[in-house]
Amino acid sequence: MLDGLEEWIIPLIVIYEYVWFMKGLGMDVNDSIEKTKEYILQPKSNIAAEGVSDLIKTLISFHLKVCLCPCSMMR
């Protein structure tokens, strides 16, 4: 369905939900980052919020916090 569109306008919340979904599946952090990058770096992708480089930095930072933070909210 997405392939038929000229442009994918992706709200930032969709990216966050995608990351949480992969976390829920128990995916490896590096695999999750790579899958997210594949999605947002598509030529058709247009993130409706921050720039893509900011988003990648945020995702990497977030995953580091999830891996290193013992607090229950981050699990």
N, C-alpha and C. Protein backbone atom coordinates (compact mmCIF):
# COMPACT_ATOMS: atom_id res chain seq x y z
N MET A 1 0.82 -1.18 0.00
CA MET A 1 0.00 0.00 0.00
C MET A 1 0.87 1.26 0.00
N LEU A 2 1.93 1.30 0.80
CA LEU A 2 2.79 2.48 0.87
C LEU A 2 3.53 2.72 -0.44
N ASP A 3 3.87 1.65 -1.14
CA ASP A 3 4.64 1.81 -2.38
C ASP A 3 3.89 2.61 -3.43
N GLY A 4 2.57 2.61 -3.38
CA GLY A 4 1.78 3.35 -4.34
C GLY A 4 1.73 4.85 -4.09
N LEU A 5 2.20 5.29 -2.93
CA LEU A 5 2.18 6.71 -2.59
C LEU A 5 3.45 7.40 -3.06
N GLU A 6 3.32 8.65 -3.45
CA GLU A 6 4.48 9.44 -3.86
C GLU A 6 5.33 9.86 -2.66
N GLU A 7 4.67 10.08 -1.53
CA GLU A 7 5.37 10.55 -0.34
C GLU A 7 4.72 9.93 0.89
N TRP A 8 5.57 9.57 1.86
CA TRP A 8 5.08 9.05 3.13
C TRP A 8 5.24 10.15 4.17
N ILE A 9 4.17 10.74 4.60
CA ILE A 9 4.23 11.74 5.66
C ILE A 9 4.03 10.98 6.97
N ILE A 10 5.10 10.91 7.75
CA ILE A 10 5.11 10.08 8.95
C ILE A 10 5.17 10.97 10.19
N PRO A 11 4.08 11.00 10.96
CA PRO A 11 4.12 11.75 12.22
C PRO A 11 5.16 11.14 13.16
N LEU A 12 5.82 11.95 13.92
CA LEU A 12 6.87 11.51 14.82
C LEU A 12 6.37 10.43 15.79
N ILE A 13 5.14 10.54 16.24
CA ILE A 13 4.60 9.55 17.17
C ILE A 13 4.61 8.15 16.56
N VAL A 14 4.45 8.05 15.25
CA VAL A 14 4.48 6.75 14.57
C VAL A 14 5.86 6.12 14.71
N ILE A 15 6.90 6.93 14.62
CA ILE A 15 8.26 6.42 14.78
C ILE A 15 8.46 5.89 16.21
N TYR A 16 7.99 6.68 17.18
CA TYR A 16 8.11 6.24 18.57
C TYR A 16 7.35 4.93 18.81
N GLU A 17 6.15 4.83 18.26
CA GLU A 17 5.36 3.61 18.41
C GLU A 17 6.05 2.42 17.75
N TYR A 18 6.68 2.65 16.61
CA TYR A 18 7.42 1.61 15.90
C TYR A 18 8.57 1.08 16.78
N VAL A 19 9.28 2.01 17.40
CA VAL A 19 10.38 1.63 18.29
C VAL A 19 9.86 0.84 19.49
N TRP A 20 8.79 1.30 20.11
CA TRP A 20 8.23 0.59 21.26
C TRP A 20 7.73 -0.79 20.85
N PHE A 21 7.16 -0.91 19.65
CA PHE A 21 6.70 -2.20 19.16
C PHE A 21 7.87 -3.18 19.05
N MET A 22 8.96 -2.72 18.45
CA MET A 22 10.13 -3.59 18.32
C MET A 22 10.71 -3.95 19.68
N LYS A 23 10.72 -2.99 20.61
CA LYS A 23 11.18 -3.28 21.97
C LYS A 23 10.31 -4.35 22.60
N GLY A 24 9.00 -4.24 22.39
CA GLY A 24 8.07 -5.24 22.92
C GLY A 24 8.30 -6.63 22.35
N LEU A 25 8.79 -6.70 21.13
CA LEU A 25 9.11 -7.98 20.51
C LEU A 25 10.43 -8.55 21.03
N GLY A 26 11.17 -7.72 21.77
CA GLY A 26 12.46 -8.16 22.30
C GLY A 26 13.58 -8.09 21.28
N MET A 27 13.43 -7.23 20.28
CA MET A 27 14.48 -7.11 19.27
C MET A 27 15.75 -6.53 19.87
N ASP A 28 16.87 -6.93 19.31
CA ASP A 28 18.16 -6.37 19.68
C ASP A 28 18.16 -4.87 19.39
N VAL A 29 18.79 -4.10 20.24
CA VAL A 29 18.81 -2.64 20.09
C VAL A 29 19.37 -2.22 18.73
N ASN A 30 20.49 -2.80 18.34
CA ASN A 30 21.09 -2.43 17.05
C ASN A 30 20.19 -2.78 15.88
N ASP A 31 19.51 -3.93 15.95
CA ASP A 31 18.57 -4.31 14.89
C ASP A 31 17.40 -3.32 14.84
N SER A 32 16.93 -2.92 16.01
CA SER A 32 15.83 -1.96 16.09
C SER A 32 16.23 -0.62 15.48
N ILE A 33 17.43 -0.17 15.78
CA ILE A 33 17.92 1.09 15.21
C ILE A 33 18.02 0.98 13.70
N GLU A 34 18.56 -0.12 13.21
CA GLU A 34 18.71 -0.30 11.76
C GLU A 34 17.36 -0.36 11.06
N LYS A 35 16.38 -1.08 11.63
CA LYS A 35 15.05 -1.16 11.02
C LYS A 35 14.39 0.22 11.00
N THR A 36 14.56 0.98 12.06
CA THR A 36 13.99 2.33 12.11
C THR A 36 14.64 3.22 11.07
N LYS A 37 15.95 3.13 10.94
CA LYS A 37 16.66 3.92 9.92
C LYS A 37 16.21 3.53 8.52
N GLU A 38 15.99 2.24 8.26
CA GLU A 38 15.50 1.80 6.95
C GLU A 38 14.17 2.47 6.63
N TYR A 39 13.33 2.56 7.61
CA TYR A 39 11.99 3.15 7.45
C TYR A 39 12.06 4.66 7.22
N ILE A 40 12.82 5.36 8.03
CA ILE A 40 12.81 6.83 7.95
C ILE A 40 13.74 7.39 6.88
N LEU A 41 14.69 6.58 6.40
CA LEU A 41 15.62 7.07 5.38
C LEU A 41 15.17 6.72 3.97
N GLN A 42 13.98 6.16 3.82
CA GLN A 42 13.43 5.90 2.49
C GLN A 42 13.27 7.23 1.75
N PRO A 43 13.54 7.26 0.45
CA PRO A 43 13.38 8.51 -0.30
C PRO A 43 11.98 9.11 -0.20
N LYS A 44 10.98 8.28 -0.02
CA LYS A 44 9.59 8.77 0.07
C LYS A 44 9.23 9.29 1.46
N SER A 45 10.04 8.98 2.47
CA SER A 45 9.71 9.35 3.84
C SER A 45 9.85 10.85 4.08
N ASN A 46 8.86 11.39 4.76
CA ASN A 46 8.87 12.79 5.17
C ASN A 46 8.39 12.81 6.62
N ILE A 47 9.33 12.99 7.55
CA ILE A 47 8.99 13.00 8.96
C ILE A 47 8.33 14.32 9.31
N ALA A 48 7.13 14.24 9.82
CA ALA A 48 6.35 15.44 10.12
C ALA A 48 6.67 15.93 11.53
N ALA A 49 7.88 16.40 11.72
CA ALA A 49 8.31 16.96 13.01
C ALA A 49 9.75 17.37 12.88
N GLU A 50 10.59 16.80 13.75
CA GLU A 50 12.01 17.11 13.77
C GLU A 50 12.69 16.58 12.51
N GLY A 51 13.92 17.02 12.29
CA GLY A 51 14.70 16.50 11.18
C GLY A 51 15.12 15.07 11.43
N VAL A 52 15.44 14.36 10.37
CA VAL A 52 15.82 12.95 10.47
C VAL A 52 17.08 12.77 11.31
N SER A 53 18.06 13.64 11.17
CA SER A 53 19.29 13.48 11.96
C SER A 53 18.99 13.64 13.45
N ASP A 54 18.09 14.57 13.80
CA ASP A 54 17.69 14.73 15.21
C ASP A 54 16.98 13.48 15.70
N LEU A 55 16.15 12.91 14.85
CA LEU A 55 15.41 11.71 15.22
C LEU A 55 16.36 10.54 15.47
N ILE A 56 17.34 10.36 14.61
CA ILE A 56 18.31 9.27 14.78
C ILE A 56 19.08 9.44 16.08
N LYS A 57 19.52 10.66 16.36
CA LYS A 57 20.23 10.93 17.62
C LYS A 57 19.34 10.60 18.81
N THR A 58 18.07 10.99 18.73
CA THR A 58 17.13 10.72 19.82
C THR A 58 16.93 9.24 20.03
N LEU A 59 16.79 8.49 18.93
CA LEU A 59 16.59 7.05 19.03
C LEU A 59 17.81 6.36 19.66
N ILE A 60 18.99 6.75 19.24
CA ILE A 60 20.20 6.16 19.80
C ILE A 60 20.30 6.48 21.29
N SER A 61 20.04 7.73 21.64
CA SER A 61 20.08 8.14 23.04
C SER A 61 19.04 7.37 23.85
N PHE A 62 17.84 7.24 23.29
CA PHE A 62 16.76 6.53 23.97
C PHE A 62 17.15 5.08 24.22
N HIS A 63 17.68 4.42 23.21
CA HIS A 63 18.06 3.01 23.36
C HIS A 63 19.17 2.85 24.38
N LEU A 64 20.09 3.79 24.43
CA LEU A 64 21.14 3.72 25.45
C LEU A 64 20.55 3.83 26.84
N LYS A 65 19.58 4.74 27.01
CA LYS A 65 18.94 4.90 28.31
C LYS A 65 18.17 3.64 28.70
N VAL A 66 17.49 3.03 27.74
CA VAL A 66 16.72 1.81 28.02
C VAL A 66 17.66 0.70 28.46
N CYS A 67 18.80 0.60 27.81
CA CYS A 67 19.76 -0.47 28.14
C CYS A 67 20.45 -0.22 29.48
N LEU A 68 20.67 1.02 29.83
CA LEU A 68 21.47 1.33 31.01
C LEU A 68 20.66 1.72 32.24
N CYS A 69 19.39 2.10 32.05
CA CYS A 69 18.58 2.58 33.16
C CYS A 69 17.84 1.44 33.84
N PRO A 70 18.03 1.25 35.15
CA PRO A 70 17.34 0.18 35.85
C PRO A 70 15.90 0.53 36.25
N CYS A 71 15.46 1.76 36.03
CA CYS A 71 14.14 2.15 36.50
C CYS A 71 13.04 1.40 35.74
N SER A 72 11.95 1.11 36.40
CA SER A 72 10.89 0.29 35.83
C SER A 72 10.18 0.98 34.66
N MET A 73 10.18 2.30 34.60
CA MET A 73 9.50 3.00 33.50
C MET A 73 10.19 2.76 32.17
N MET A 74 11.45 2.47 32.19
CA MET A 74 12.20 2.31 30.96
C MET A 74 12.24 0.87 30.47
N ARG A 75 11.62 -0.03 31.18
CA ARG A 75 11.63 -1.44 30.78
C ARG A 75 10.50 -1.77 29.88
